[in-house]
Amino acid sequence: MVIKSLMVLPLAVMFMAGCSMDDTSNETQGNQNQETNEVVNDQAAKQNDVDEVENNETDSSVVGDKDSKKKEEVPPIENNHSKEEEENEDNQRTLTKEEAQTVLEDYKNTFQVEKTAEGIVENYDSKEELLAHYKTRMAEELAESYLDYFYRVENGNLRIIATEPPVWLDPDQEFELRILEDSTYQIVQSRESQLRGNREYSFVITYNAEVDNWVVSEVKSREVG
């Protein structure tokens, strides 16, 4: 029995040693496999991060291209303020002294219509016709006041009343041109005469878009010292 026991003991020891070595080998192999898996997983994670960054850059590039195309397709916005300013500039009419003098000469010639020795107006059969003629160089209110003051209808004829005519600009004397507002000017001239004394005459000229011309809108005079 002792001999059998002695023989069995070495076998048991060898068996246990073998098992221990197998366990160690298995544990080592497992550790190696785990480390390998971790390395692979790390590499895969890094690759995923790289792919995600590239995808984001690609998406940003595509979005940027789309935004750029949208910006290119947007029509330019018109500068309405600039257009309004240009229109206002077109509506503002300027007048020189020479032009102002010409306007007042035309105003005088327009008033002085042809008439017979008896004072009957020729070429205009009614106040309405003469009013239309006057409005080419006078504002409507001024033209109507002249018709009421200087003309009468007698026996179907338009007759001018023998009275002193309106005052005119004297082209031989100096006058001053003043700007009152856009497209409105004032001509001022001082004159002295035995009949009227020392007076200052004022003529207001305004641009009338309806007749596309400058018209006299007001005539005033005042005595000066």
Protein backbone atom coordinates (compact mmCIF):
# COMPACT_ATOMS: atom_id res chain seq x y z
CA MET A 1 0.00 0.00 0.00
CA VAL A 2 2.80 2.31 0.82
CA ILE A 3 4.40 1.67 -2.55
CA LYS A 4 1.12 2.38 -4.36
CA SER A 5 0.67 5.57 -2.43
CA LEU A 6 4.16 6.67 -3.31
CA MET A 7 3.51 5.96 -6.93
CA VAL A 8 0.22 7.82 -6.97
CA LEU A 9 1.62 10.88 -5.26
CA PRO A 10 4.00 11.85 -8.09
CA LEU A 11 1.23 11.42 -10.60
CA ALA A 12 -1.06 13.65 -8.59
CA VAL A 13 1.64 16.25 -8.30
CA MET A 14 2.24 16.16 -12.06
CA PHE A 15 -1.48 16.35 -12.74
CA MET A 16 -1.87 19.38 -10.48
CA ALA A 17 1.17 21.02 -12.03
CA GLY A 18 -0.25 20.47 -15.47
CA CYS A 19 -3.56 21.93 -14.48
CA SER A 20 -1.81 24.96 -12.97
CA MET A 21 0.16 25.49 -16.16
CA ASP A 22 -2.99 25.18 -18.25
CA ASP A 23 -4.76 27.75 -16.07
CA THR A 24 -1.77 30.11 -16.30
CA SER A 25 -1.60 29.63 -20.06
CA ASN A 26 -5.31 30.18 -20.38
CA GLU A 27 -5.13 33.28 -18.19
CA THR A 28 -2.20 34.66 -20.17
CA GLN A 29 -3.95 33.92 -23.44
CA GLY A 30 -7.07 35.62 -22.13
CA ASN A 31 -5.13 38.64 -21.08
CA GLN A 32 -3.49 38.82 -24.48
CA ASN A 33 -6.85 38.51 -26.22
CA GLN A 34 -8.34 41.22 -24.01
CA GLU A 35 -5.40 43.55 -24.71
CA THR A 36 -5.70 42.84 -28.42
CA ASN A 37 -9.42 43.56 -28.32
CA GLU A 38 -8.83 46.80 -26.44
CA VAL A 39 -6.23 47.89 -29.00
CA VAL A 40 -8.60 47.06 -31.85
CA ASN A 41 -11.45 48.87 -30.13
CA ASP A 42 -9.24 51.93 -29.55
CA GLN A 43 -8.21 51.96 -33.19
CA ALA A 44 -11.82 51.59 -34.28
CA ALA A 45 -12.88 54.44 -31.99
CA LYS A 46 -10.13 56.67 -33.36
CA GLN A 47 -11.14 55.81 -36.90
CA ASN A 48 -14.75 56.64 -36.06
CA ASP A 49 -13.63 59.99 -34.66
CA VAL A 50 -11.67 60.71 -37.83
CA ASP A 51 -14.61 59.70 -40.01
CA GLU A 52 -16.95 61.90 -37.96
CA VAL A 53 -14.64 64.91 -38.30
CA GLU A 54 -14.36 64.39 -42.05
CA ASN A 55 -18.13 64.02 -42.35
CA ASN A 56 -18.65 67.23 -40.38
CA GLU A 57 -16.17 69.06 -42.59
CA THR A 58 -17.89 67.71 -45.68
CA ASP A 59 -21.31 68.74 -44.36
CA SER A 60 -20.00 72.20 -43.50
CA SER A 61 -18.50 72.53 -46.95
CA VAL A 62 -21.79 71.51 -48.57
CA VAL A 63 -23.75 73.90 -46.38
CA GLY A 64 -21.26 76.66 -47.13
CA ASP A 65 -21.63 76.01 -50.86
CA LYS A 66 -25.42 76.10 -50.56
CA ASP A 67 -25.31 79.34 -48.58
CA SER A 68 -22.92 80.82 -51.12
CA LYS A 69 -25.24 79.84 -53.97
CA LYS A 70 -28.22 81.29 -52.10
CA LYS A 71 -26.34 84.56 -51.61
CA GLU A 72 -25.47 84.63 -55.29
CA GLU A 73 -29.10 83.96 -56.27
CA VAL A 74 -30.49 86.74 -54.07
CA PRO A 75 -31.29 89.71 -56.33
CA PRO A 76 -29.71 93.04 -55.42
CA ILE A 77 -31.86 95.29 -53.25
CA GLU A 78 -32.69 98.54 -54.94
CA ASN A 79 -31.74 101.68 -53.11
CA ASN A 80 -35.15 103.36 -52.97
CA HIS A 81 -33.77 106.26 -50.94
CA SER A 82 -31.27 107.05 -53.71
CA LYS A 83 -34.04 106.92 -56.33
CA GLU A 84 -36.19 109.24 -54.27
CA GLU A 85 -33.29 111.64 -53.94
CA GLU A 86 -32.74 111.55 -57.70
CA GLU A 87 -36.44 112.22 -58.33
CA ASN A 88 -36.39 115.13 -55.91
CA GLU A 89 -33.33 116.54 -57.63
CA ASP A 90 -35.12 116.26 -60.98
CA ASN A 91 -38.13 118.13 -59.57
CA GLN A 92 -36.00 120.99 -58.26
CA ARG A 93 -35.72 123.64 -60.96
CA THR A 94 -33.09 126.36 -60.92
CA LEU A 95 -33.31 129.83 -62.38
CA THR A 96 -30.59 132.31 -63.31
CA LYS A 97 -30.97 136.11 -63.38
CA GLU A 98 -30.98 136.09 -67.17
CA GLU A 99 -33.68 133.42 -67.25
CA ALA A 100 -35.71 135.29 -64.63
CA GLN A 101 -35.57 138.43 -66.74
CA THR A 102 -36.77 136.46 -69.77
CA VAL A 103 -39.69 135.02 -67.75
CA LEU A 104 -40.82 138.52 -66.73
CA GLU A 105 -40.54 139.78 -70.32
CA ASP A 106 -42.71 136.88 -71.50
CA TYR A 107 -45.15 137.66 -68.70
CA LYS A 108 -45.43 141.27 -69.93
CA ASN A 109 -45.87 140.26 -73.57
CA THR A 110 -48.52 137.71 -72.62
CA PHE A 111 -50.58 140.32 -70.81
CA GLN A 112 -50.44 142.81 -73.69
CA VAL A 113 -52.87 141.24 -76.16
CA GLU A 114 -53.84 142.87 -79.44
CA LYS A 115 -56.90 145.13 -79.37
CA THR A 116 -58.78 147.55 -81.57
CA ALA A 117 -58.82 151.32 -81.18
CA GLU A 118 -62.03 150.90 -79.17
CA GLY A 119 -60.28 148.52 -76.77
CA ILE A 120 -61.97 145.33 -78.05
CA VAL A 121 -59.69 142.33 -77.61
CA GLU A 122 -58.77 140.51 -80.80
CA ASN A 123 -58.09 136.78 -81.15
CA TYR A 124 -59.90 135.98 -77.87
CA ASP A 125 -63.68 136.00 -77.77
CA SER A 126 -64.21 135.23 -74.07
CA LYS A 127 -62.60 135.50 -70.68
CA GLU A 128 -62.15 131.73 -70.64
CA GLU A 129 -60.04 131.84 -73.79
CA LEU A 130 -57.98 134.74 -72.50
CA LEU A 131 -57.57 133.01 -69.13
CA ALA A 132 -56.11 129.95 -70.84
CA HIS A 133 -53.66 132.25 -72.64
CA TYR A 134 -52.65 134.05 -69.46
CA LYS A 135 -52.08 130.79 -67.57
CA THR A 136 -49.16 129.97 -69.85
CA ARG A 137 -47.13 132.69 -68.10
CA MET A 138 -49.13 133.42 -64.93
CA ALA A 139 -50.44 131.44 -62.01
CA GLU A 140 -54.19 130.90 -62.25
CA GLU A 141 -55.02 133.15 -59.29
CA LEU A 142 -53.02 136.06 -60.70
CA ALA A 143 -54.47 135.57 -64.19
CA GLU A 144 -58.04 135.57 -62.85
CA SER A 145 -57.40 138.76 -60.84
CA TYR A 146 -56.12 140.51 -63.99
CA LEU A 147 -59.19 139.45 -65.98
CA ASP A 148 -61.54 140.74 -63.29
CA TYR A 149 -59.70 144.05 -62.93
CA PHE A 150 -58.74 144.93 -66.50
CA TYR A 151 -61.48 143.42 -68.68
CA ARG A 152 -65.23 143.66 -69.22
CA VAL A 153 -67.63 141.90 -71.51
CA GLU A 154 -69.72 144.46 -73.47
CA ASN A 155 -72.18 143.54 -76.20
CA GLY A 156 -70.64 140.13 -76.49
CA ASN A 157 -67.15 141.55 -76.89
CA LEU A 158 -64.24 141.32 -74.51
CA ARG A 159 -63.05 144.87 -73.88
CA ILE A 160 -60.00 146.08 -71.95
CA ILE A 161 -60.60 148.92 -69.51
CA ALA A 162 -58.50 152.04 -70.00
CA THR A 163 -56.49 152.08 -66.82
CA GLU A 164 -52.90 151.89 -65.68
CA PRO A 165 -51.38 148.47 -66.53
CA PRO A 166 -49.57 146.23 -64.07
CA VAL A 167 -45.97 147.00 -63.13
CA TRP A 168 -43.16 145.37 -65.09
CA LEU A 169 -39.51 144.70 -64.51
CA ASP A 170 -37.25 147.44 -65.86
CA PRO A 171 -34.49 145.53 -67.75
CA ASP A 172 -32.24 148.59 -67.67
CA GLN A 173 -32.03 148.67 -63.88
CA GLU A 174 -30.38 146.24 -61.48
CA PHE A 175 -32.52 143.71 -59.65
CA GLU A 176 -31.95 141.01 -57.05
CA LEU A 177 -32.84 137.32 -57.44
CA ARG A 178 -33.70 135.44 -54.24
CA ILE A 179 -34.51 131.78 -53.66
CA LEU A 180 -37.65 131.35 -51.56
CA GLU A 181 -37.91 127.54 -51.73
CA ASP A 182 -37.54 124.69 -54.23
CA SER A 183 -38.48 125.96 -57.71
CA THR A 184 -39.68 129.31 -56.35
CA TYR A 185 -37.80 132.59 -56.76
CA GLN A 186 -38.35 136.24 -55.95
CA ILE A 187 -37.15 139.13 -58.08
CA VAL A 188 -36.82 142.44 -56.24
CA GLN A 189 -36.21 145.78 -57.91
CA SER A 190 -36.28 149.30 -56.51
CA ARG A 191 -37.35 152.16 -58.75
CA GLU A 192 -38.16 155.82 -58.37
CA SER A 193 -40.57 157.76 -60.53
CA GLN A 194 -42.49 161.04 -60.36
CA LEU A 195 -45.78 159.19 -60.65
CA ARG A 196 -45.25 156.49 -58.04
CA GLY A 197 -42.35 157.79 -55.97
CA ASN A 198 -39.64 155.53 -54.56
CA ARG A 199 -40.99 151.99 -54.50
CA GLU A 200 -39.78 148.41 -54.28
CA TYR A 201 -41.32 145.88 -56.67
CA SER A 202 -41.45 142.15 -56.02
CA PHE A 203 -42.19 139.41 -58.55
CA VAL A 204 -42.52 135.79 -57.42
CA ILE A 205 -41.76 133.18 -60.07
CA THR A 206 -42.72 129.52 -59.64
CA TYR A 207 -42.21 126.51 -61.88
CA ASN A 208 -45.57 125.12 -63.06
CA ALA A 209 -45.38 121.46 -64.06
CA GLU A 210 -48.78 121.57 -65.77
CA VAL A 211 -47.58 123.99 -68.43
CA ASP A 212 -43.93 122.92 -68.07
CA ASN A 213 -42.82 126.51 -67.68
CA TRP A 214 -42.00 129.26 -65.21
CA VAL A 215 -44.98 131.45 -64.32
CA VAL A 216 -45.43 134.66 -62.34
CA SER A 217 -47.50 133.87 -59.27
CA GLU A 218 -47.41 137.16 -57.36
CA VAL A 219 -46.69 140.83 -57.99
CA LYS A 220 -46.36 143.31 -55.13
CA SER A 221 -45.00 146.78 -54.51
CA ARG A 222 -44.32 148.86 -51.43
CA GLU A 223 -43.14 152.39 -50.75
CA VAL A 224 -39.61 152.71 -49.43
CA GLY A 225 -37.98 155.68 -47.70
